[in-house]
Each structure stands twice: as C-alpha cells, then as structure tokens.
Full PDB file with SEQRES, HELIX, SHEET, SSBOND, CRYST1, ORIGX, SCALE, CONECT and MASTER records, all heavy atoms in Angstrom:
SEQRES   1 A   35  MET ILE GLU ALA LEU TYR GLU SER ASN CYS PRO ASP LEU          
SEQRES   2 A   35  LYS LEU ILE ALA ARG GLY LYS VAL ARG ASP LEU TYR GLU          
SEQRES   3 A   35  ILE ASP ASP SER SER LEU LEU PHE VAL                          
SHEET    1 AA1 3 LYS A  14  ARG A  18  0                                        
SHEET    2 AA1 3 ASP A  23  GLU A  26 -1                                        
SHEET    3 AA1 3 LEU A  32  PHE A  34 -1                                        
CRYST1    1.000    1.000    1.000  90.00  90.00  90.00 P 1           1          
ORIGX1      1.000000  0.000000  0.000000        0.00000                         
ORIGX2      0.000000  1.000000  0.000000        0.00000                         
ORIGX3      0.000000  0.000000  1.000000        0.00000                         
SCALE1      1.000000  0.000000  0.000000        0.00000                         
SCALE2      0.000000  1.000000  0.000000        0.00000                         
SCALE3      0.000000  0.000000  1.000000        0.00000                         
ATOM      1  N   MET A   1     -85.850 157.976 189.108  1.00  0.00           N  
ATOM      2  CA  MET A   1     -85.914 156.661 188.850  1.00  0.00           C  
ATOM      3  C   MET A   1     -85.321 156.322 187.462  1.00  0.00           C  
ATOM      4  O   MET A   1     -85.567 157.093 186.437  1.00  0.00           O  
ATOM      5  CB  MET A   1     -87.306 156.097 188.914  1.00  0.00           C  
ATOM      6  CG  MET A   1     -87.502 154.564 188.666  1.00  0.00           C  
ATOM      7  SD  MET A   1     -89.084 154.088 189.132  1.00  0.00           S  
ATOM      8  CE  MET A   1     -89.032 152.287 188.519  1.00  0.00           C  
ATOM      9  N   ILE A   2     -84.528 155.300 187.290  1.00  0.00           N  
ATOM     10  CA  ILE A   2     -83.989 154.952 186.048  1.00  0.00           C  
ATOM     11  C   ILE A   2     -85.004 154.358 185.077  1.00  0.00           C  
ATOM     12  O   ILE A   2     -85.724 153.420 185.527  1.00  0.00           O  
ATOM     13  CB  ILE A   2     -82.823 153.971 186.188  1.00  0.00           C  
ATOM     14  CG1 ILE A   2     -81.789 154.484 187.160  1.00  0.00           C  
ATOM     15  CG2 ILE A   2     -82.100 153.639 184.810  1.00  0.00           C  
ATOM     16  CD1 ILE A   2     -80.781 153.446 187.604  1.00  0.00           C  
ATOM     17  N   GLU A   3     -85.152 154.782 183.837  1.00  0.00           N  
ATOM     18  CA  GLU A   3     -86.033 154.199 182.921  1.00  0.00           C  
ATOM     19  C   GLU A   3     -85.343 153.198 182.069  1.00  0.00           C  
ATOM     20  O   GLU A   3     -84.265 153.356 181.536  1.00  0.00           O  
ATOM     21  CB  GLU A   3     -86.592 155.275 181.976  1.00  0.00           C  
ATOM     22  CG  GLU A   3     -87.731 154.815 181.081  1.00  0.00           C  
ATOM     23  CD  GLU A   3     -88.346 156.063 180.259  1.00  0.00           C  
ATOM     24  OE1 GLU A   3     -88.163 157.128 180.664  1.00  0.00           O  
ATOM     25  OE2 GLU A   3     -88.968 155.706 179.232  1.00  0.00           O  
ATOM     26  N   ALA A   4     -85.995 152.010 182.006  1.00  0.00           N  
ATOM     27  CA  ALA A   4     -85.391 150.852 181.253  1.00  0.00           C  
ATOM     28  C   ALA A   4     -85.483 151.067 179.711  1.00  0.00           C  
ATOM     29  O   ALA A   4     -86.473 151.662 179.282  1.00  0.00           O  
ATOM     30  CB  ALA A   4     -86.087 149.591 181.650  1.00  0.00           C  
ATOM     31  N   LEU A   5     -84.456 150.680 179.127  1.00  0.00           N  
ATOM     32  CA  LEU A   5     -84.485 150.605 177.583  1.00  0.00           C  
ATOM     33  C   LEU A   5     -84.428 149.180 177.172  1.00  0.00           C  
ATOM     34  O   LEU A   5     -83.367 148.528 177.259  1.00  0.00           O  
ATOM     35  CB  LEU A   5     -83.295 151.293 177.069  1.00  0.00           C  
ATOM     36  CG  LEU A   5     -83.174 151.371 175.475  1.00  0.00           C  
ATOM     37  CD1 LEU A   5     -84.231 152.486 174.975  1.00  0.00           C  
ATOM     38  CD2 LEU A   5     -81.813 151.895 174.997  1.00  0.00           C  
ATOM     39  N   TYR A   6     -85.577 148.579 176.786  1.00  0.00           N  
ATOM     40  CA  TYR A   6     -85.590 147.281 176.309  1.00  0.00           C  
ATOM     41  C   TYR A   6     -85.193 147.134 174.894  1.00  0.00           C  
ATOM     42  O   TYR A   6     -84.463 146.145 174.519  1.00  0.00           O  
ATOM     43  CB  TYR A   6     -87.047 146.684 176.394  1.00  0.00           C  
ATOM     44  CG  TYR A   6     -87.149 145.232 176.148  1.00  0.00           C  
ATOM     45  CD1 TYR A   6     -86.919 144.329 177.246  1.00  0.00           C  
ATOM     46  CD2 TYR A   6     -87.454 144.767 174.935  1.00  0.00           C  
ATOM     47  CE1 TYR A   6     -86.963 142.896 176.993  1.00  0.00           C  
ATOM     48  CE2 TYR A   6     -87.503 143.372 174.680  1.00  0.00           C  
ATOM     49  CZ  TYR A   6     -87.274 142.532 175.681  1.00  0.00           C  
ATOM     50  OH  TYR A   6     -87.265 141.115 175.548  1.00  0.00           O  
ATOM     51  N   GLU A   7     -85.322 148.186 174.109  1.00  0.00           N  
ATOM     52  CA  GLU A   7     -84.993 148.128 172.660  1.00  0.00           C  
ATOM     53  C   GLU A   7     -84.764 149.551 172.246  1.00  0.00           C  
ATOM     54  O   GLU A   7     -85.649 150.425 172.544  1.00  0.00           O  
ATOM     55  CB  GLU A   7     -86.100 147.530 171.822  1.00  0.00           C  
ATOM     56  CG  GLU A   7     -85.838 147.262 170.388  1.00  0.00           C  
ATOM     57  CD  GLU A   7     -86.939 146.543 169.747  1.00  0.00           C  
ATOM     58  OE1 GLU A   7     -86.944 145.221 169.881  1.00  0.00           O  
ATOM     59  OE2 GLU A   7     -87.825 147.127 169.121  1.00  0.00           O  
ATOM     60  N   SER A   8     -83.692 149.824 171.609  1.00  0.00           N  
ATOM     61  CA  SER A   8     -83.376 151.156 171.072  1.00  0.00           C  
ATOM     62  C   SER A   8     -84.245 151.401 169.831  1.00  0.00           C  
ATOM     63  O   SER A   8     -84.656 150.591 169.171  1.00  0.00           O  
ATOM     64  CB  SER A   8     -81.951 151.414 170.748  1.00  0.00           C  
ATOM     65  OG  SER A   8     -81.513 150.477 169.790  1.00  0.00           O  
ATOM     66  N   ASN A   9     -84.541 152.760 169.610  1.00  0.00           N  
ATOM     67  CA  ASN A   9     -85.357 153.107 168.449  1.00  0.00           C  
ATOM     68  C   ASN A   9     -84.702 154.334 167.841  1.00  0.00           C  
ATOM     69  O   ASN A   9     -84.948 155.430 168.303  1.00  0.00           O  
ATOM     70  CB  ASN A   9     -86.758 153.342 168.862  1.00  0.00           C  
ATOM     71  CG  ASN A   9     -87.660 153.786 167.694  1.00  0.00           C  
ATOM     72  OD1 ASN A   9     -87.357 153.442 166.525  1.00  0.00           O  
ATOM     73  ND2 ASN A   9     -88.642 154.587 167.985  1.00  0.00           N  
ATOM     74  N   CYS A  10     -83.900 154.097 166.820  1.00  0.00           N  
ATOM     75  CA  CYS A  10     -83.158 155.181 166.213  1.00  0.00           C  
ATOM     76  C   CYS A  10     -83.391 155.135 164.637  1.00  0.00           C  
ATOM     77  O   CYS A  10     -82.541 154.589 163.907  1.00  0.00           O  
ATOM     78  CB  CYS A  10     -81.617 155.067 166.490  1.00  0.00           C  
ATOM     79  SG  CYS A  10     -81.226 155.063 168.203  1.00  0.00           S  
ATOM     80  N   PRO A  11     -84.486 155.568 164.236  1.00  0.00           N  
ATOM     81  CA  PRO A  11     -84.942 155.342 162.867  1.00  0.00           C  
ATOM     82  C   PRO A  11     -84.087 155.893 161.771  1.00  0.00           C  
ATOM     83  O   PRO A  11     -84.150 155.416 160.628  1.00  0.00           O  
ATOM     84  CB  PRO A  11     -86.411 155.965 162.791  1.00  0.00           C  
ATOM     85  CG  PRO A  11     -86.553 156.837 163.944  1.00  0.00           C  
ATOM     86  CD  PRO A  11     -85.591 156.236 165.031  1.00  0.00           C  
ATOM     87  N   ASP A  12     -83.320 156.938 162.126  1.00  0.00           N  
ATOM     88  CA  ASP A  12     -82.463 157.496 161.121  1.00  0.00           C  
ATOM     89  C   ASP A  12     -81.030 156.911 161.014  1.00  0.00           C  
ATOM     90  O   ASP A  12     -80.224 157.275 160.215  1.00  0.00           O  
ATOM     91  CB  ASP A  12     -82.287 159.087 161.396  1.00  0.00           C  
ATOM     92  CG  ASP A  12     -83.536 159.754 161.124  1.00  0.00           C  
ATOM     93  OD1 ASP A  12     -84.363 159.336 160.291  1.00  0.00           O  
ATOM     94  OD2 ASP A  12     -83.764 160.882 161.564  1.00  0.00           O  
ATOM     95  N   LEU A  13     -80.792 155.895 161.944  1.00  0.00           N  
ATOM     96  CA  LEU A  13     -79.551 155.115 161.867  1.00  0.00           C  
ATOM     97  C   LEU A  13     -79.913 153.821 161.267  1.00  0.00           C  
ATOM     98  O   LEU A  13     -81.000 153.272 161.339  1.00  0.00           O  
ATOM     99  CB  LEU A  13     -78.969 154.928 163.304  1.00  0.00           C  
ATOM    100  CG  LEU A  13     -78.666 156.220 164.076  1.00  0.00           C  
ATOM    101  CD1 LEU A  13     -78.111 155.805 165.427  1.00  0.00           C  
ATOM    102  CD2 LEU A  13     -77.632 157.012 163.311  1.00  0.00           C  
ATOM    103  N   LYS A  14     -78.865 153.216 160.611  1.00  0.00           N  
ATOM    104  CA  LYS A  14     -79.140 151.884 159.907  1.00  0.00           C  
ATOM    105  C   LYS A  14     -78.885 150.733 160.929  1.00  0.00           C  
ATOM    106  O   LYS A  14     -77.794 150.473 161.263  1.00  0.00           O  
ATOM    107  CB  LYS A  14     -78.126 151.765 158.824  1.00  0.00           C  
ATOM    108  CG  LYS A  14     -78.267 150.428 157.945  1.00  0.00           C  
ATOM    109  CD  LYS A  14     -77.239 150.391 156.876  1.00  0.00           C  
ATOM    110  CE  LYS A  14     -77.351 149.026 156.132  1.00  0.00           C  
ATOM    111  NZ  LYS A  14     -76.394 148.890 155.000  1.00  0.00           N  
ATOM    112  N   LEU A  15     -79.988 150.064 161.330  1.00  0.00           N  
ATOM    113  CA  LEU A  15     -79.977 149.005 162.274  1.00  0.00           C  
ATOM    114  C   LEU A  15     -79.511 147.703 161.499  1.00  0.00           C  
ATOM    115  O   LEU A  15     -80.056 147.362 160.533  1.00  0.00           O  
ATOM    116  CB  LEU A  15     -81.349 148.720 162.812  1.00  0.00           C  
ATOM    117  CG  LEU A  15     -81.461 147.553 163.798  1.00  0.00           C  
ATOM    118  CD1 LEU A  15     -80.679 147.775 165.078  1.00  0.00           C  
ATOM    119  CD2 LEU A  15     -82.911 147.220 164.123  1.00  0.00           C  
ATOM    120  N   ILE A  16     -78.467 147.148 162.022  1.00  0.00           N  
ATOM    121  CA  ILE A  16     -77.923 145.882 161.456  1.00  0.00           C  
ATOM    122  C   ILE A  16     -78.450 144.639 162.111  1.00  0.00           C  
ATOM    123  O   ILE A  16     -78.828 143.692 161.430  1.00  0.00           O  
ATOM    124  CB  ILE A  16     -76.377 145.945 161.545  1.00  0.00           C  
ATOM    125  CG1 ILE A  16     -75.779 147.068 160.665  1.00  0.00           C  
ATOM    126  CG2 ILE A  16     -75.761 144.583 161.031  1.00  0.00           C  
ATOM    127  CD1 ILE A  16     -74.276 147.203 160.772  1.00  0.00           C  
ATOM    128  N   ALA A  17     -78.442 144.720 163.426  1.00  0.00           N  
ATOM    129  CA  ALA A  17     -78.850 143.466 164.186  1.00  0.00           C  
ATOM    130  C   ALA A  17     -79.225 143.798 165.607  1.00  0.00           C  
ATOM    131  O   ALA A  17     -78.918 144.894 166.124  1.00  0.00           O  
ATOM    132  CB  ALA A  17     -77.711 142.543 164.159  1.00  0.00           C  
ATOM    133  N   ARG A  18     -80.068 143.061 166.223  1.00  0.00           N  
ATOM    134  CA  ARG A  18     -80.326 143.140 167.583  1.00  0.00           C  
ATOM    135  C   ARG A  18     -79.947 141.787 168.204  1.00  0.00           C  
ATOM    136  O   ARG A  18     -80.418 140.726 167.861  1.00  0.00           O  
ATOM    137  CB  ARG A  18     -81.890 143.350 167.896  1.00  0.00           C  
ATOM    138  CG  ARG A  18     -82.435 144.646 167.428  1.00  0.00           C  
ATOM    139  CD  ARG A  18     -83.752 144.914 168.053  1.00  0.00           C  
ATOM    140  NE  ARG A  18     -84.469 145.986 167.272  1.00  0.00           N  
ATOM    141  CZ  ARG A  18     -84.300 147.252 167.506  1.00  0.00           C  
ATOM    142  NH1 ARG A  18     -83.411 147.702 168.463  1.00  0.00           N  
ATOM    143  NH2 ARG A  18     -84.986 148.198 166.936  1.00  0.00           N  
ATOM    144  N   GLY A  19     -78.969 141.808 169.173  1.00  0.00           N  
ATOM    145  CA  GLY A  19     -78.450 140.600 169.746  1.00  0.00           C  
ATOM    146  C   GLY A  19     -79.258 140.405 171.102  1.00  0.00           C  
ATOM    147  O   GLY A  19     -80.282 140.927 171.252  1.00  0.00           O  
ATOM    148  N   LYS A  20     -78.713 139.518 171.895  1.00  0.00           N  
ATOM    149  CA  LYS A  20     -79.398 139.160 173.181  1.00  0.00           C  
ATOM    150  C   LYS A  20     -79.477 140.433 174.041  1.00  0.00           C  
ATOM    151  O   LYS A  20     -80.382 140.575 174.775  1.00  0.00           O  
ATOM    152  CB  LYS A  20     -78.729 138.073 173.860  1.00  0.00           C  
ATOM    153  CG  LYS A  20     -78.909 136.689 173.126  1.00  0.00           C  
ATOM    154  CD  LYS A  20     -78.437 135.480 173.983  1.00  0.00           C  
ATOM    155  CE  LYS A  20     -76.929 135.345 173.961  1.00  0.00           C  
ATOM    156  NZ  LYS A  20     -76.412 134.826 172.666  1.00  0.00           N  
ATOM    157  N   VAL A  21     -78.456 141.262 173.977  1.00  0.00           N  
ATOM    158  CA  VAL A  21     -78.421 142.489 174.868  1.00  0.00           C  
ATOM    159  C   VAL A  21     -78.216 143.778 173.967  1.00  0.00           C  
ATOM    160  O   VAL A  21     -78.749 144.708 174.281  1.00  0.00           O  
ATOM    161  CB  VAL A  21     -77.353 142.369 175.925  1.00  0.00           C  
ATOM    162  CG1 VAL A  21     -77.170 143.736 176.682  1.00  0.00           C  
ATOM    163  CG2 VAL A  21     -77.607 141.238 176.890  1.00  0.00           C  
ATOM    164  N   ARG A  22     -77.353 143.572 172.883  1.00  0.00           N  
ATOM    165  CA  ARG A  22     -76.946 144.808 172.161  1.00  0.00           C  
ATOM    166  C   ARG A  22     -77.683 145.030 170.912  1.00  0.00           C  
ATOM    167  O   ARG A  22     -77.972 144.068 170.236  1.00  0.00           O  
ATOM    168  CB  ARG A  22     -75.414 144.853 171.982  1.00  0.00           C  
ATOM    169  CG  ARG A  22     -74.633 145.202 173.202  1.00  0.00           C  
ATOM    170  CD  ARG A  22     -73.116 144.721 173.120  1.00  0.00           C  
ATOM    171  NE  ARG A  22     -72.548 145.021 174.436  1.00  0.00           N  
ATOM    172  CZ  ARG A  22     -72.768 144.288 175.511  1.00  0.00           C  
ATOM    173  NH1 ARG A  22     -73.451 143.185 175.433  1.00  0.00           N  
ATOM    174  NH2 ARG A  22     -72.116 144.629 176.678  1.00  0.00           N  
ATOM    175  N   ASP A  23     -77.977 146.343 170.648  1.00  0.00           N  
ATOM    176  CA  ASP A  23     -78.505 146.672 169.295  1.00  0.00           C  
ATOM    177  C   ASP A  23     -77.330 147.231 168.573  1.00  0.00           C  
ATOM    178  O   ASP A  23     -76.508 148.050 169.058  1.00  0.00           O  
ATOM    179  CB  ASP A  23     -79.545 147.728 169.399  1.00  0.00           C  
ATOM    180  CG  ASP A  23     -80.910 147.233 170.056  1.00  0.00           C  
ATOM    181  OD1 ASP A  23     -80.991 145.853 170.159  1.00  0.00           O  
ATOM    182  OD2 ASP A  23     -81.703 147.997 170.480  1.00  0.00           O  
ATOM    183  N   LEU A  24     -77.165 146.866 167.268  1.00  0.00           N  
ATOM    184  CA  LEU A  24     -76.039 147.274 166.433  1.00  0.00           C  
ATOM    185  C   LEU A  24     -76.444 148.114 165.292  1.00  0.00           C  
ATOM    186  O   LEU A  24     -77.305 147.639 164.490  1.00  0.00           O  
ATOM    187  CB  LEU A  24     -75.259 146.076 165.988  1.00  0.00           C  
ATOM    188  CG  LEU A  24     -73.983 146.131 165.197  1.00  0.00           C  
ATOM    189  CD1 LEU A  24     -72.913 146.887 166.073  1.00  0.00           C  
ATOM    190  CD2 LEU A  24     -73.427 144.774 164.791  1.00  0.00           C  
ATOM    191  N   TYR A  25     -75.826 149.275 165.090  1.00  0.00           N  
ATOM    192  CA  TYR A  25     -76.111 150.194 164.068  1.00  0.00           C  
ATOM    193  C   TYR A  25     -74.857 150.498 163.171  1.00  0.00           C  
ATOM    194  O   TYR A  25     -73.711 150.564 163.799  1.00  0.00           O  
ATOM    195  CB  TYR A  25     -76.639 151.505 164.515  1.00  0.00           C  
ATOM    196  CG  TYR A  25     -77.941 151.441 165.251  1.00  0.00           C  
ATOM    197  CD1 TYR A  25     -78.032 151.137 166.616  1.00  0.00           C  
ATOM    198  CD2 TYR A  25     -79.195 151.626 164.498  1.00  0.00           C  
ATOM    199  CE1 TYR A  25     -79.265 151.065 167.302  1.00  0.00           C  
ATOM    200  CE2 TYR A  25     -80.407 151.552 165.169  1.00  0.00           C  
ATOM    201  CZ  TYR A  25     -80.391 151.333 166.581  1.00  0.00           C  
ATOM    202  OH  TYR A  25     -81.685 151.248 167.170  1.00  0.00           O  
ATOM    203  N   GLU A  26     -74.983 150.614 161.840  1.00  0.00           N  
ATOM    204  CA  GLU A  26     -73.961 151.015 161.043  1.00  0.00           C  
ATOM    205  C   GLU A  26     -73.950 152.501 161.017  1.00  0.00           C  
ATOM    206  O   GLU A  26     -74.943 153.158 160.643  1.00  0.00           O  
ATOM    207  CB  GLU A  26     -74.007 150.415 159.668  1.00  0.00           C  
ATOM    208  CG  GLU A  26     -72.860 150.801 158.762  1.00  0.00           C  
ATOM    209  CD  GLU A  26     -72.997 150.179 157.377  1.00  0.00           C  
ATOM    210  OE1 GLU A  26     -73.985 150.517 156.676  1.00  0.00           O  
ATOM    211  OE2 GLU A  26     -72.182 149.308 157.031  1.00  0.00           O  
ATOM    212  N   ILE A  27     -72.782 153.186 161.247  1.00  0.00           N  
ATOM    213  CA  ILE A  27     -72.718 154.686 161.232  1.00  0.00           C  
ATOM    214  C   ILE A  27     -72.136 155.119 159.864  1.00  0.00           C  
ATOM    215  O   ILE A  27     -72.660 156.045 159.238  1.00  0.00           O  
ATOM    216  CB  ILE A  27     -71.817 155.160 162.372  1.00  0.00           C  
ATOM    217  CG1 ILE A  27     -72.447 154.660 163.710  1.00  0.00           C  
ATOM    218  CG2 ILE A  27     -71.770 156.621 162.370  1.00  0.00           C  
ATOM    219  CD1 ILE A  27     -73.910 155.067 163.975  1.00  0.00           C  
ATOM    220  N   ASP A  28     -71.009 154.500 159.425  1.00  0.00           N  
ATOM    221  CA  ASP A  28     -70.493 154.844 158.211  1.00  0.00           C  
ATOM    222  C   ASP A  28     -69.618 153.599 157.738  1.00  0.00           C  
ATOM    223  O   ASP A  28     -69.736 152.483 158.301  1.00  0.00           O  
ATOM    224  CB  ASP A  28     -69.597 156.095 158.195  1.00  0.00           C  
ATOM    225  CG  ASP A  28     -68.496 156.063 159.264  1.00  0.00           C  
ATOM    226  OD1 ASP A  28     -67.937 154.952 159.501  1.00  0.00           O  
ATOM    227  OD2 ASP A  28     -68.246 157.106 159.848  1.00  0.00           O  
ATOM    228  N   ASP A  29     -68.752 153.761 156.739  1.00  0.00           N  
ATOM    229  CA  ASP A  29     -67.985 152.679 156.211  1.00  0.00           C  
ATOM    230  C   ASP A  29     -66.998 151.999 157.121  1.00  0.00           C  
ATOM    231  O   ASP A  29     -66.595 150.932 156.955  1.00  0.00           O  
ATOM    232  CB  ASP A  29     -67.205 153.120 154.810  1.00  0.00           C  
ATOM    233  CG  ASP A  29     -68.243 153.324 153.747  1.00  0.00           C  
ATOM    234  OD1 ASP A  29     -69.431 152.880 153.769  1.00  0.00           O  
ATOM    235  OD2 ASP A  29     -67.828 153.961 152.749  1.00  0.00           O  
ATOM    236  N   SER A  30     -66.644 152.817 158.203  1.00  0.00           N  
ATOM    237  CA  SER A  30     -65.566 152.271 159.123  1.00  0.00           C  
ATOM    238  C   SER A  30     -66.037 152.185 160.510  1.00  0.00           C  
ATOM    239  O   SER A  30     -65.186 151.709 161.394  1.00  0.00           O  
ATOM    240  CB  SER A  30     -64.364 153.280 159.041  1.00  0.00           C  
ATOM    241  OG  SER A  30     -64.707 154.586 159.383  1.00  0.00           O  
ATOM    242  N   SER A  31     -67.301 152.602 160.830  1.00  0.00           N  
ATOM    243  CA  SER A  31     -67.592 152.538 162.215  1.00  0.00           C  
ATOM    244  C   SER A  31     -69.076 152.030 162.444  1.00  0.00           C  
ATOM    245  O   SER A  31     -69.921 152.079 161.657  1.00  0.00           O  
ATOM    246  CB  SER A  31     -67.461 153.922 162.877  1.00  0.00           C  
ATOM    247  OG  SER A  31     -68.350 154.803 162.288  1.00  0.00           O  
ATOM    248  N   LEU A  32     -69.231 151.454 163.655  1.00  0.00           N  
ATOM    249  CA  LEU A  32     -70.553 150.949 164.100  1.00  0.00           C  
ATOM    250  C   LEU A  32     -70.895 151.497 165.416  1.00  0.00           C  
ATOM    251  O   LEU A  32     -70.022 152.046 166.177  1.00  0.00           O  
ATOM    252  CB  LEU A  32     -70.457 149.443 164.288  1.00  0.00           C  
ATOM    253  CG  LEU A  32     -70.074 148.653 163.127  1.00  0.00           C  
ATOM    254  CD1 LEU A  32     -69.735 147.072 163.512  1.00  0.00           C  
ATOM    255  CD2 LEU A  32     -71.097 148.658 161.972  1.00  0.00           C  
ATOM    256  N   LEU A  33     -72.180 151.462 165.809  1.00  0.00           N  
ATOM    257  CA  LEU A  33     -72.594 151.817 167.203  1.00  0.00           C  
ATOM    258  C   LEU A  33     -73.180 150.626 167.859  1.00  0.00           C  
ATOM    259  O   LEU A  33     -74.093 150.011 167.429  1.00  0.00           O  
ATOM    260  CB  LEU A  33     -73.653 152.981 167.087  1.00  0.00           C  
ATOM    261  CG  LEU A  33     -74.070 153.526 168.367  1.00  0.00           C  
ATOM    262  CD1 LEU A  33     -73.073 154.497 168.981  1.00  0.00           C  
ATOM    263  CD2 LEU A  33     -75.452 154.298 168.229  1.00  0.00           C  
ATOM    264  N   PHE A  34     -72.555 150.353 169.115  1.00  0.00           N  
ATOM    265  CA  PHE A  34     -73.035 149.272 169.998  1.00  0.00           C  
ATOM    266  C   PHE A  34     -73.889 149.897 171.017  1.00  0.00           C  
ATOM    267  O   PHE A  34     -73.383 150.784 171.709  1.00  0.00           O  
ATOM    268  CB  PHE A  34     -71.834 148.563 170.563  1.00  0.00           C  
ATOM    269  CG  PHE A  34     -71.222 147.463 169.758  1.00  0.00           C  
ATOM    270  CD1 PHE A  34     -70.982 147.637 168.440  1.00  0.00           C  
ATOM    271  CD2 PHE A  34     -70.999 146.198 170.334  1.00  0.00           C  
ATOM    272  CE1 PHE A  34     -70.363 146.576 167.701  1.00  0.00           C  
ATOM    273  CE2 PHE A  34     -70.428 145.223 169.546  1.00  0.00           C  
ATOM    274  CZ  PHE A  34     -70.134 145.399 168.253  1.00  0.00           C  
ATOM    275  N   VAL A  35     -75.130 149.502 171.134  1.00  0.00           N  
ATOM    276  CA  VAL A  35     -75.970 150.031 172.153  1.00  0.00           C  
ATOM    277  C   VAL A  35     -76.415 148.897 173.139  1.00  0.00           C  
ATOM    278  O   VAL A  35     -77.013 147.940 172.808  1.00  0.00           O  
ATOM    279  CB  VAL A  35     -77.334 150.574 171.627  1.00  0.00           C  
ATOM    280  CG1 VAL A  35     -78.208 151.158 172.670  1.00  0.00           C  
ATOM    281  CG2 VAL A  35     -76.991 151.626 170.537  1.00  0.00           C  
TER     282      VAL A  35                                                      
MASTER        0    0    0    0    3    0    0    6  281    1    0    3          
END                                                                             
C-alpha cells in the first residue's frame, strides 16, 4: 500500500516555502529541491 506524504520533513534542508502541493527547499546557491 502506498503511504501518503502530506508534508515533507527534512530538518537538515533549508525549507523556503510550502505551496498548495509542493514543498520547496534551498540546496545551495544555484539549486532548489521541489517536493
């Protein structure tokens, strides 16, 4: 069974924003992570 992810939890990454669907983290000066 697939487990739902309502909200990501990555405390060692810099969370920038949570949108309606995506969580956005800054990885370094040139890249971001869209979840």
